[in-house]
Amino acid sequence: MSAAPPDPMTLQGAVDDAFAGIRECLQAFQPQLVPREVGTVASVSTGIARVRGLPHVGFEELIEFPGGLSGIAFNLDEDGVDVVLLGDHAHVHAGQEVQRTGRVMDVAVGDALLGRVIDPLGRPLDGAGPVATGKRLPIERPAAAIMDRAPVTEPLQTGLKVIDALIPIGRGQRELILGDRQTGKTAIAIDAIFNQRGKDVLCVYCAIGQRAAAVAKAVANLRAKGALDYTVVVVADGNDPPGLAYIAPYAATSIAEHFMEAGRDVLIVYDDLTHHARAYRELSLLLRRPPGREAFPGDIFYIHSRMLERATHLSGTRGGGSMTALPIIETEAQNISAYIPTNLISITDGQIVLSPSLFALGVLPAVDVGQSVSRVGGKAQRAAYRAVAGDLKLAYAQFEELETFARFGARLDEETRQSIAHGQRIRACLGQPEFAPVSVPAQVAILLALNAALFDPVPLEHMAAAQQRVEAAANKLPDALVERLADADALSGADREQVTEAARQALATFLAEEEGSVMTAAQH
């Protein structure tokens, strides 16, 4: 049964009502003129554009260029504005129109960034589609006031025995990692990110001026270990314009700050600030700012201090979140007194120095314990570590001195030989392979066994296997003891003896097995 045709009179009435509504809208419309400042590109050089005709532009305001390109106003002169371009300058030509945006550079923040790889402008680089976040923060923000900060009281475990025991890092601290190229700086930072799995610590990894292959390898390692799930990767690789390299660490810091202000604990890695300083030097020279020492501009100290000062532990009234910063710096020929390294050493709360000579000897991580220091982390170090770290550091320092002396071929008494043998086992225990973090109970058991000289009978070539035995024994300790190792204010004598006894039994079994295998081999 077909439907009845619509009534023509009803249709005509609906059309008349629609036209009446349109007529009312047209009569009520009042055209408004919106003023818009438009300038003109006067000249273009590598990463820099000179713009005229924007009299009210502000410092660090975003400027829009044709083709969706953005720039930041840096030099404000009477006759024009120098703009740092945040993209390829090949399509910018003299005579093109530009306009103000009325806002400063900002970046998308939020949980949607976790597991993603983005550039400093928030554009995805991982091919996983656009980043859906509803909040943006300026990349340049004032650091938290002194009264809004709290002391650093909780440790940030890196899973590396040499750092957690001798150069501890606290949540909210800024610890510099410096060393020559190819000495394992990035490996330490990536290991620290791996060890935050299951510890409710979010991570931000900022790659500045790195080779694309090196960044891809780091991202692949993070993904393979499941660490990318709680990590944001911000990338400005070596092929990007200097403007992007300059804003990359500030954008990463704002992303981390969002999590910190939400009451979360965050670890941020800047890899590395040497390339950041060079990018800023390039921009400054192109902007014709006066050069200073090593051609760096006079404010090179300020660009890093205002960024690292944002890493802190917030007080309870501000949510109690923390941001721990691990900036990385590359030195040349171990020269830690160069301009940029000394600047950053004075800004940060300690430094982890990597030695190329230790790296060449196969001591990994190649941390020079004598030159490394943590000015804050000792206050946050777990009591179990404090009970053993002091004796360990002294014994290791004495060993290094004796080892240097022994190279001259001098006759050594029995006590000196024992000290050197003990020190060699300390060095063997402080080393560990990449991507193999060690739990807190296992670290404490190994360190207590070292202090009790339980490793001294073990041949050096079997130290790795012996450590694995002690680690396996430590992982079988009672849960109540493990909790006390992590939370107790002091390591009691009973707990210390229980852990030491577990290590002693494990090593006794190991040595008996080794002796049995040697005798069997001799019989055959």
Protein backbone atom coordinates (compact mmCIF):
# COMPACT_ATOMS: atom_id res chain seq x y z
CA MET A 1 0.00 0.00 0.00
CA SER A 2 1.63 3.28 -1.16
CA ALA A 3 1.87 6.34 1.08
CA ALA A 4 -0.31 9.34 0.41
CA PRO A 5 1.42 12.26 -1.43
CA PRO A 6 2.32 15.27 0.76
CA ASP A 7 -0.08 18.18 0.87
CA PRO A 8 1.16 21.03 -1.41
CA MET A 9 -0.12 23.64 1.05
CA THR A 10 1.95 22.06 3.89
CA LEU A 11 5.11 22.08 1.77
CA GLN A 12 4.57 25.69 0.78
CA GLY A 13 4.17 26.68 4.44
CA ALA A 14 7.44 24.98 5.40
CA VAL A 15 9.29 26.76 2.58
CA ASP A 16 7.84 30.12 3.62
CA ASP A 17 8.91 29.54 7.24
CA ALA A 18 12.45 28.70 6.13
CA PHE A 19 12.73 31.84 4.01
CA ALA A 20 11.35 33.93 6.86
CA GLY A 21 14.07 32.57 9.19
CA ILE A 22 16.79 33.32 6.65
CA ARG A 23 15.39 36.85 6.14
CA GLU A 24 15.48 37.51 9.90
CA CYS A 25 19.09 36.30 10.14
CA LEU A 26 20.14 38.56 7.28
CA GLN A 27 18.42 41.56 8.81
CA ALA A 28 20.02 40.89 12.24
CA PHE A 29 23.52 40.39 10.80
CA GLN A 30 25.95 43.18 11.63
CA PRO A 31 29.23 42.95 9.70
CA GLN A 32 32.30 43.46 11.91
CA LEU A 33 35.79 44.38 10.85
CA VAL A 34 38.48 42.36 12.66
CA PRO A 35 41.89 44.04 12.58
CA ARG A 36 44.68 41.73 11.46
CA GLU A 37 48.38 42.57 11.45
CA VAL A 38 50.02 41.40 8.26
CA GLY A 39 53.73 41.63 7.59
CA THR A 40 56.02 40.90 4.69
CA VAL A 41 59.06 38.64 4.46
CA ALA A 42 62.07 40.84 3.74
CA SER A 43 64.78 38.15 3.54
CA VAL A 44 65.36 34.47 4.29
CA SER A 45 68.47 32.60 5.41
CA THR A 46 69.02 29.11 6.86
CA GLY A 47 66.34 28.74 9.52
CA ILE A 48 65.83 32.52 9.87
CA ALA A 49 63.45 34.99 8.22
CA ARG A 50 63.47 38.79 8.44
CA VAL A 51 59.92 40.21 8.60
CA ARG A 52 58.69 43.81 8.33
CA GLY A 53 55.29 45.27 9.12
CA LEU A 54 54.31 43.70 12.48
CA PRO A 55 54.54 46.66 14.90
CA HIS A 56 52.78 45.00 17.85
CA VAL A 57 54.37 41.55 17.72
CA GLY A 58 55.61 40.20 21.07
CA PHE A 59 58.80 38.38 22.01
CA GLU A 60 58.57 34.62 21.29
CA GLU A 61 55.14 35.07 19.66
CA LEU A 62 54.21 32.57 16.96
CA ILE A 63 54.20 33.93 13.41
CA GLU A 64 52.29 32.15 10.62
CA PHE A 65 53.92 31.79 7.21
CA PRO A 66 52.30 30.52 3.98
CA GLY A 67 52.02 26.76 3.68
CA GLY A 68 51.34 26.15 7.38
CA LEU A 69 54.91 26.99 8.45
CA SER A 70 55.36 28.62 11.87
CA GLY A 71 58.11 30.71 13.38
CA ILE A 72 59.01 32.33 16.70
CA ALA A 73 59.76 36.06 16.93
CA PHE A 74 63.23 36.35 18.48
CA ASN A 75 64.77 39.75 17.69
CA LEU A 76 62.39 42.74 17.91
CA ASP A 77 64.02 45.72 16.18
CA GLU A 78 62.64 49.08 15.15
CA ASP A 79 62.78 48.26 11.46
CA GLY A 80 61.75 44.59 11.58
CA VAL A 81 61.52 41.26 13.36
CA ASP A 82 63.89 38.28 13.11
CA VAL A 83 61.90 35.04 13.16
CA VAL A 84 63.27 31.54 13.88
CA LEU A 85 61.54 29.14 11.47
CA LEU A 86 60.16 25.86 12.81
CA GLY A 87 60.36 23.94 9.57
CA ASP A 88 61.86 23.83 6.09
CA HIS A 89 62.66 27.36 4.86
CA ALA A 90 62.87 26.29 1.19
CA HIS A 91 59.27 27.42 0.49
CA VAL A 92 59.62 30.83 2.16
CA HIS A 93 60.42 33.69 -0.20
CA ALA A 94 60.85 37.44 0.12
CA GLY A 95 57.61 39.32 -0.45
CA GLN A 96 55.30 36.68 1.05
CA GLU A 97 52.68 37.76 3.59
CA VAL A 98 52.88 36.62 7.22
CA GLN A 99 50.58 37.28 10.17
CA ARG A 100 50.56 37.24 13.94
CA THR A 101 48.83 34.52 15.93
CA GLY A 102 48.63 36.30 19.28
CA ARG A 103 49.96 33.25 21.17
CA VAL A 104 53.29 31.76 22.13
CA MET A 105 54.60 28.33 21.08
CA ASP A 106 52.73 25.52 22.86
CA VAL A 107 52.59 21.74 22.74
CA ALA A 108 49.89 19.09 23.21
CA VAL A 109 50.02 17.33 26.61
CA GLY A 110 48.12 14.44 28.18
CA ASP A 111 47.97 10.67 28.60
CA ALA A 112 47.30 10.21 24.88
CA LEU A 113 51.00 10.96 24.26
CA LEU A 114 52.17 7.87 26.18
CA GLY A 115 53.57 5.30 23.77
CA ARG A 116 53.87 7.85 20.96
CA VAL A 117 56.82 9.32 19.04
CA ILE A 118 56.28 12.98 18.17
CA ASP A 119 58.25 16.00 16.98
CA PRO A 120 58.52 19.21 19.07
CA LEU A 121 55.40 20.59 17.36
CA GLY A 122 53.35 17.59 18.51
CA ARG A 123 53.13 15.98 15.07
CA PRO A 124 53.26 12.15 15.12
CA LEU A 125 56.37 10.44 13.71
CA ASP A 126 55.35 6.83 14.40
CA GLY A 127 52.67 6.44 11.73
CA ALA A 128 50.00 5.68 14.34
CA GLY A 129 47.65 8.50 13.37
CA PRO A 130 47.06 11.94 14.90
CA VAL A 131 47.57 12.58 18.62
CA ALA A 132 44.20 13.21 20.28
CA THR A 133 44.76 15.50 23.26
CA GLY A 134 42.52 18.24 24.52
CA LYS A 135 45.06 20.36 26.40
CA ARG A 136 48.07 22.40 25.36
CA LEU A 137 50.77 24.08 27.46
CA PRO A 138 53.32 26.76 26.50
CA ILE A 139 56.80 25.30 26.03
CA GLU A 140 58.29 28.15 28.12
CA ARG A 141 56.87 28.22 31.65
CA PRO A 142 58.18 29.65 34.93
CA ALA A 143 59.66 27.10 37.31
CA ALA A 144 57.83 26.24 40.53
CA ALA A 145 58.39 28.70 43.38
CA ILE A 146 60.67 27.68 46.25
CA MET A 147 57.75 27.46 48.68
CA ASP A 148 55.96 25.06 46.31
CA ARG A 149 58.84 22.57 46.42
CA ALA A 150 59.56 19.71 48.80
CA PRO A 151 62.85 18.01 49.71
CA VAL A 152 64.06 15.07 47.62
CA THR A 153 63.29 12.10 49.88
CA GLU A 154 62.49 9.14 47.63
CA PRO A 155 65.04 7.31 45.47
CA LEU A 156 64.73 6.80 41.73
CA GLN A 157 66.10 3.30 41.17
CA THR A 158 68.00 2.97 37.89
CA GLY A 159 68.62 -0.77 38.21
CA LEU A 160 72.36 -0.09 37.79
CA LYS A 161 74.32 -1.21 40.86
CA VAL A 162 77.11 1.35 40.50
CA ILE A 163 74.62 4.24 40.39
CA ASP A 164 72.06 3.08 42.95
CA ALA A 165 74.79 2.22 45.48
CA LEU A 166 77.47 4.90 44.94
CA ILE A 167 75.85 7.78 43.00
CA PRO A 168 72.17 7.58 44.02
CA ILE A 169 69.51 9.66 42.29
CA GLY A 170 66.40 10.97 44.05
CA ARG A 171 63.02 11.74 42.55
CA GLY A 172 63.09 15.45 41.70
CA GLN A 173 66.87 15.60 41.25
CA ARG A 174 68.86 16.78 38.19
CA GLU A 175 71.78 14.44 37.55
CA LEU A 176 74.10 15.18 34.62
CA ILE A 177 75.51 12.32 32.52
CA LEU A 178 78.69 13.34 30.70
CA GLY A 179 81.43 11.61 28.80
CA ASP A 180 83.10 11.30 25.41
CA ARG A 181 81.13 10.00 22.46
CA GLN A 182 80.49 6.26 22.33
CA THR A 183 81.03 5.66 26.06
CA GLY A 184 77.49 4.52 26.93
CA LYS A 185 75.73 7.74 27.99
CA THR A 186 72.47 6.95 26.21
CA ALA A 187 72.62 3.33 27.39
CA ILE A 188 72.55 4.45 31.04
CA ALA A 189 69.54 6.69 30.42
CA ILE A 190 67.65 3.99 28.48
CA ASP A 191 68.42 1.45 31.23
CA ALA A 192 66.99 3.89 33.79
CA ILE A 193 63.80 4.11 31.69
CA PHE A 194 63.58 0.30 31.46
CA ASN A 195 63.85 0.00 35.24
CA GLN A 196 60.77 2.21 35.83
CA ARG A 197 58.50 -0.56 34.56
CA GLY A 198 55.93 -1.31 37.26
CA LYS A 199 57.18 1.51 39.51
CA ASP A 200 54.50 4.08 38.55
CA VAL A 201 57.06 6.44 37.00
CA LEU A 202 56.30 7.96 33.58
CA CYS A 203 59.21 8.76 31.26
CA VAL A 204 59.94 11.34 28.57
CA TYR A 205 62.88 10.73 26.21
CA CYS A 206 63.94 13.81 24.22
CA ALA A 207 66.35 13.16 21.35
CA ILE A 208 68.05 16.36 20.12
CA GLY A 209 70.18 16.39 16.98
CA GLN A 210 70.74 12.61 17.01
CA ARG A 211 71.12 10.50 13.90
CA ALA A 212 67.79 9.11 12.74
CA ALA A 213 69.21 5.57 12.91
CA ALA A 214 70.26 6.04 16.55
CA VAL A 215 66.80 7.36 17.49
CA ALA A 216 65.10 4.47 15.66
CA LYS A 217 67.28 1.99 17.56
CA ALA A 218 66.42 3.58 20.92
CA VAL A 219 62.69 3.55 20.11
CA ALA A 220 62.90 -0.09 18.96
CA ASN A 221 64.61 -1.07 22.23
CA LEU A 222 61.97 0.74 24.27
CA ARG A 223 59.20 -0.98 22.33
CA ALA A 224 60.82 -4.42 22.59
CA LYS A 225 61.13 -4.15 26.39
CA GLY A 226 57.58 -2.82 26.84
CA ALA A 227 58.93 0.52 28.10
CA LEU A 228 57.28 2.57 25.34
CA ASP A 229 53.89 2.05 27.03
CA TYR A 230 54.80 4.55 29.78
CA THR A 231 57.17 6.73 27.72
CA VAL A 232 56.77 9.77 25.45
CA VAL A 233 59.50 10.18 22.81
CA VAL A 234 60.13 13.70 21.48
CA VAL A 235 62.46 13.78 18.47
CA ALA A 236 64.30 16.55 16.65
CA ASP A 237 66.85 14.61 14.59
CA GLY A 238 70.02 15.89 12.99
CA ASN A 239 68.28 16.71 9.68
CA ASP A 240 65.72 19.04 11.27
CA PRO A 241 66.12 22.85 11.21
CA PRO A 242 67.94 24.40 14.19
CA GLY A 243 64.68 26.01 15.34
CA LEU A 244 63.12 22.61 16.00
CA ALA A 245 66.24 21.39 17.82
CA TYR A 246 66.10 24.52 19.99
CA ILE A 247 62.46 24.11 21.11
CA ALA A 248 62.59 20.28 21.51
CA PRO A 249 63.74 20.08 25.17
CA TYR A 250 61.32 22.85 26.22
CA ALA A 251 58.40 21.03 24.60
CA ALA A 252 59.46 17.77 26.30
CA THR A 253 59.71 19.56 29.65
CA SER A 254 56.15 20.92 29.34
CA ILE A 255 54.87 17.40 28.54
CA ALA A 256 56.63 16.08 31.66
CA GLU A 257 55.40 19.03 33.75
CA HIS A 258 51.79 18.19 32.92
CA PHE A 259 52.24 14.73 34.45
CA MET A 260 54.16 16.17 37.43
CA GLU A 261 51.42 18.71 38.19
CA ALA A 262 48.90 15.85 38.12
CA GLY A 263 50.77 14.27 41.05
CA ARG A 264 52.77 11.74 39.01
CA ASP A 265 56.49 10.94 39.16
CA VAL A 266 58.30 11.60 35.87
CA LEU A 267 61.78 10.85 34.54
CA ILE A 268 62.94 13.04 31.63
CA VAL A 269 66.08 12.41 29.58
CA TYR A 270 67.65 15.12 27.38
CA ASP A 271 69.86 13.39 24.78
CA ASP A 272 71.83 15.53 24.41
CA LEU A 273 72.20 19.18 25.40
CA THR A 274 75.48 19.59 23.49
CA HIS A 275 73.49 19.52 20.23
CA HIS A 276 70.93 21.86 21.80
CA ALA A 277 73.64 24.39 22.67
CA ARG A 278 75.10 24.16 19.16
CA ALA A 279 71.67 24.70 17.59
CA TYR A 280 71.16 27.82 19.73
CA ARG A 281 74.66 29.05 18.83
CA GLU A 282 73.81 28.61 15.13
CA LEU A 283 70.58 30.56 15.53
CA SER A 284 72.28 33.31 17.53
CA LEU A 285 75.03 33.78 14.94
CA LEU A 286 72.45 33.86 12.13
CA LEU A 287 70.52 36.47 14.15
CA ARG A 288 73.78 38.46 14.44
CA ARG A 289 73.77 38.41 18.22
CA PRO A 290 77.17 39.14 19.82
CA PRO A 291 79.23 35.92 20.20
CA GLY A 292 81.12 35.14 23.40
CA ARG A 293 83.33 32.29 24.55
CA GLU A 294 83.64 29.54 21.90
CA ALA A 295 81.24 31.67 19.76
CA PHE A 296 78.33 30.84 22.09
CA PRO A 297 76.02 33.78 22.93
CA GLY A 298 76.09 35.33 26.37
CA ASP A 299 72.78 33.79 27.44
CA ILE A 300 73.79 30.17 26.75
CA PHE A 301 73.80 29.51 30.52
CA TYR A 302 70.28 30.88 30.88
CA ILE A 303 68.68 28.70 28.19
CA HIS A 304 69.68 25.56 30.11
CA SER A 305 69.19 26.84 33.66
CA ARG A 306 65.61 28.00 33.09
CA MET A 307 64.76 24.60 31.62
CA LEU A 308 66.45 22.37 34.23
CA GLU A 309 65.10 24.51 37.08
CA ARG A 310 61.64 23.22 36.19
CA ALA A 311 62.67 19.72 37.36
CA THR A 312 61.76 19.42 41.03
CA HIS A 313 59.72 17.61 43.69
CA LEU A 314 56.47 19.49 44.31
CA SER A 315 55.06 19.91 47.82
CA GLY A 316 51.94 18.10 48.97
CA THR A 317 49.79 21.19 48.41
CA ARG A 318 50.78 21.09 44.70
CA GLY A 319 50.07 17.37 44.34
CA GLY A 320 53.42 15.92 45.41
CA GLY A 321 54.54 15.02 41.88
CA SER A 322 58.18 15.03 40.83
CA MET A 323 60.25 15.45 37.69
CA THR A 324 63.73 13.91 37.66
CA ALA A 325 66.01 15.20 34.90
CA LEU A 326 68.91 13.27 33.33
CA PRO A 327 70.57 15.71 30.92
CA ILE A 328 73.34 14.24 28.77
CA ILE A 329 76.43 16.15 27.62
CA GLU A 330 79.16 15.04 25.23
CA THR A 331 82.74 15.97 26.16
CA GLU A 332 85.84 16.05 23.97
CA ALA A 333 88.91 14.16 25.19
CA GLN A 334 87.41 13.97 28.73
CA ASN A 335 87.54 17.75 29.04
CA ILE A 336 84.85 18.35 31.67
CA SER A 337 86.12 21.91 32.18
CA ALA A 338 84.92 23.04 28.73
CA TYR A 339 82.33 25.80 28.51
CA ILE A 340 79.04 23.86 28.19
CA PRO A 341 79.98 21.00 30.59
CA THR A 342 81.00 23.42 33.35
CA ASN A 343 77.78 25.40 32.85
CA LEU A 344 75.67 22.29 33.27
CA ILE A 345 77.72 20.91 36.17
CA SER A 346 76.99 24.16 38.03
CA ILE A 347 73.25 23.92 37.26
CA THR A 348 72.69 20.25 38.11
CA ASP A 349 72.76 18.41 41.45
CA GLY A 350 75.58 16.04 40.58
CA GLN A 351 77.19 14.30 37.63
CA ILE A 352 77.85 10.77 36.40
CA VAL A 353 81.19 10.82 34.54
CA LEU A 354 81.89 8.09 31.99
CA SER A 355 85.48 7.10 31.27
CA PRO A 356 86.62 6.01 27.78
CA SER A 357 89.53 4.07 29.34
CA LEU A 358 87.12 1.99 31.45
CA PHE A 359 84.94 1.51 28.36
CA ALA A 360 87.96 0.26 26.41
CA LEU A 361 88.71 -2.21 29.23
CA GLY A 362 85.18 -3.60 28.94
CA VAL A 363 84.02 -2.23 32.31
CA LEU A 364 80.37 -1.44 31.57
CA PRO A 365 78.77 0.85 32.54
CA ALA A 366 82.03 2.81 32.33
CA VAL A 367 81.28 5.06 35.33
CA ASP A 368 84.28 6.83 36.87
CA VAL A 369 83.29 6.57 40.54
CA GLY A 370 86.06 8.95 41.64
CA GLN A 371 84.82 11.89 39.54
CA SER A 372 81.10 11.17 39.82
CA VAL A 373 79.00 12.62 42.62
CA SER A 374 75.36 12.99 43.69
CA ARG A 375 74.74 16.07 45.81
CA VAL A 376 71.15 15.17 46.72
CA GLY A 377 70.46 11.45 46.20
CA GLY A 378 72.24 10.32 49.37
CA LYS A 379 69.43 11.95 51.36
CA ALA A 380 66.91 9.79 49.49
CA GLN A 381 68.93 6.59 49.36
CA ARG A 382 67.41 3.49 50.93
CA ALA A 383 68.77 2.55 54.36
CA ALA A 384 69.94 -0.83 53.06
CA TYR A 385 72.23 0.91 50.57
CA ARG A 386 73.51 3.46 53.07
CA ALA A 387 74.56 0.60 55.36
CA VAL A 388 76.99 -0.76 52.75
CA ALA A 389 77.76 2.06 50.30
CA GLY A 390 80.22 3.99 52.48
CA ASP A 391 82.58 1.04 53.05
CA LEU A 392 82.26 0.01 49.41
CA LYS A 393 83.22 3.40 48.00
CA LEU A 394 86.24 3.68 50.31
CA ALA A 395 87.44 0.16 49.42
CA TYR A 396 87.01 0.87 45.71
CA ALA A 397 88.93 4.17 45.94
CA GLN A 398 91.80 2.44 47.78
CA PHE A 399 91.84 -0.29 45.12
CA GLU A 400 92.11 2.19 42.25
CA GLU A 401 95.04 3.91 43.97
CA LEU A 402 96.82 0.62 44.67
CA GLU A 403 96.15 -0.63 41.13
CA THR A 404 97.85 2.44 39.68
CA PHE A 405 100.81 1.96 42.01
CA ALA A 406 101.08 -1.76 41.19
CA ARG A 407 101.56 -0.99 37.49
CA PHE A 408 105.09 0.21 38.23
CA GLY A 409 106.07 -3.38 39.03
CA ALA A 410 106.75 -2.75 42.70
CA ARG A 411 106.84 -5.65 45.13
CA LEU A 412 103.55 -5.93 46.96
CA ASP A 413 102.94 -7.43 50.39
CA GLU A 414 100.17 -9.93 50.99
CA GLU A 415 97.74 -7.37 52.44
CA THR A 416 98.11 -5.13 49.38
CA ARG A 417 97.57 -8.06 47.02
CA GLN A 418 94.41 -8.98 48.92
CA SER A 419 93.15 -5.37 48.68
CA ILE A 420 93.75 -5.38 44.91
CA ALA A 421 92.03 -8.76 44.51
CA HIS A 422 89.06 -7.52 46.57
CA GLY A 423 88.88 -4.32 44.50
CA GLN A 424 88.88 -6.31 41.26
CA ARG A 425 85.81 -8.17 42.49
CA ILE A 426 84.11 -4.90 43.45
CA ARG A 427 84.70 -3.64 39.91
CA ALA A 428 83.35 -6.90 38.48
CA CYS A 429 80.22 -6.67 40.64
CA LEU A 430 79.56 -3.01 39.74
CA GLY A 431 79.60 -3.88 36.05
CA GLN A 432 76.52 -5.27 34.35
CA PRO A 433 75.32 -5.78 30.77
CA GLU A 434 72.97 -3.41 28.97
CA PHE A 435 69.19 -3.86 29.38
CA ALA A 436 69.67 -6.05 32.50
CA PRO A 437 68.42 -4.03 35.52
CA VAL A 438 68.93 -5.60 38.95
CA SER A 439 66.23 -5.54 41.64
CA VAL A 440 66.75 -3.86 45.03
CA PRO A 441 67.01 -7.13 47.08
CA ALA A 442 69.52 -8.58 44.60
CA GLN A 443 71.62 -5.40 44.67
CA VAL A 444 71.66 -5.32 48.47
CA ALA A 445 72.63 -9.02 48.64
CA ILE A 446 75.50 -8.54 46.17
CA LEU A 447 76.77 -5.43 48.00
CA LEU A 448 76.61 -7.14 51.42
CA ALA A 449 78.45 -10.14 50.00
CA LEU A 450 81.14 -7.80 48.68
CA ASN A 451 81.55 -6.09 52.05
CA ALA A 452 81.83 -9.49 53.73
CA ALA A 453 84.51 -10.54 51.18
CA LEU A 454 82.41 -13.54 50.14
CA PHE A 455 83.30 -13.04 46.47
CA ASP A 456 87.08 -13.02 47.12
CA PRO A 457 87.53 -16.83 46.63
CA VAL A 458 85.64 -16.69 43.30
CA PRO A 459 87.90 -16.54 40.20
CA LEU A 460 87.42 -13.30 38.23
CA GLU A 461 86.29 -15.15 35.11
CA HIS A 462 83.41 -16.74 37.09
CA MET A 463 82.20 -13.56 38.79
CA ALA A 464 79.21 -13.08 36.45
CA ALA A 465 77.91 -16.59 37.16
CA ALA A 466 78.50 -16.13 40.91
CA GLN A 467 76.50 -12.90 40.89
CA GLN A 468 73.63 -14.66 39.15
CA ARG A 469 73.57 -17.24 41.95
CA VAL A 470 73.42 -14.52 44.60
CA GLU A 471 70.73 -12.69 42.63
CA ALA A 472 68.64 -15.86 42.39
CA ALA A 473 69.00 -16.42 46.14
CA ALA A 474 68.01 -12.81 46.88
CA ASN A 475 64.86 -13.14 44.79
CA LYS A 476 63.78 -16.02 47.06
CA LEU A 477 64.01 -13.97 50.28
CA PRO A 478 60.82 -13.72 52.37
CA ASP A 479 58.41 -10.96 51.29
CA ALA A 480 58.50 -9.34 54.74
CA LEU A 481 62.30 -9.01 54.54
CA VAL A 482 62.11 -7.58 51.02
CA GLU A 483 59.62 -4.94 52.20
CA ARG A 484 61.92 -3.99 55.08
CA LEU A 485 64.86 -3.63 52.68
CA ALA A 486 62.79 -1.21 50.60
CA ASP A 487 61.08 0.80 53.34
CA ALA A 488 62.92 0.50 56.67
CA ASP A 489 64.60 3.59 58.12
CA ALA A 490 67.65 1.51 59.10
CA LEU A 491 69.00 -1.90 58.18
CA SER A 492 68.82 -4.03 61.33
CA GLY A 493 71.59 -6.44 62.26
CA ALA A 494 69.24 -9.42 61.96
CA ASP A 495 68.14 -8.47 58.43
CA ARG A 496 71.73 -7.82 57.39
CA GLU A 497 72.81 -11.22 58.70
CA GLN A 498 69.89 -12.99 57.01
CA VAL A 499 70.70 -11.50 53.59
CA THR A 500 74.44 -12.13 54.04
CA GLU A 501 73.78 -15.75 55.03
CA ALA A 502 71.64 -16.31 51.93
CA ALA A 503 74.48 -14.96 49.77
CA ARG A 504 77.04 -17.06 51.67
CA GLN A 505 75.09 -20.26 51.08
CA ALA A 506 74.57 -19.48 47.41
CA LEU A 507 78.29 -18.81 46.89
CA ALA A 508 79.33 -21.88 48.90
CA THR A 509 77.15 -24.06 46.67
CA PHE A 510 78.53 -22.33 43.57
CA LEU A 511 82.17 -22.80 44.64
CA ALA A 512 81.53 -26.47 45.48
CA GLU A 513 80.01 -27.04 42.05
CA GLU A 514 82.93 -25.27 40.36
CA GLU A 515 85.45 -27.34 42.31
CA GLY A 516 83.60 -30.52 41.40
CA SER A 517 83.55 -29.66 37.71
CA VAL A 518 87.29 -28.87 37.79
CA MET A 519 88.06 -32.23 39.42
CA THR A 520 85.88 -34.05 36.88
CA ALA A 521 87.68 -32.30 34.02
CA ALA A 522 91.05 -33.23 35.54
CA GLN A 523 90.06 -36.92 35.80
CA HIS A 524 89.08 -36.98 32.13
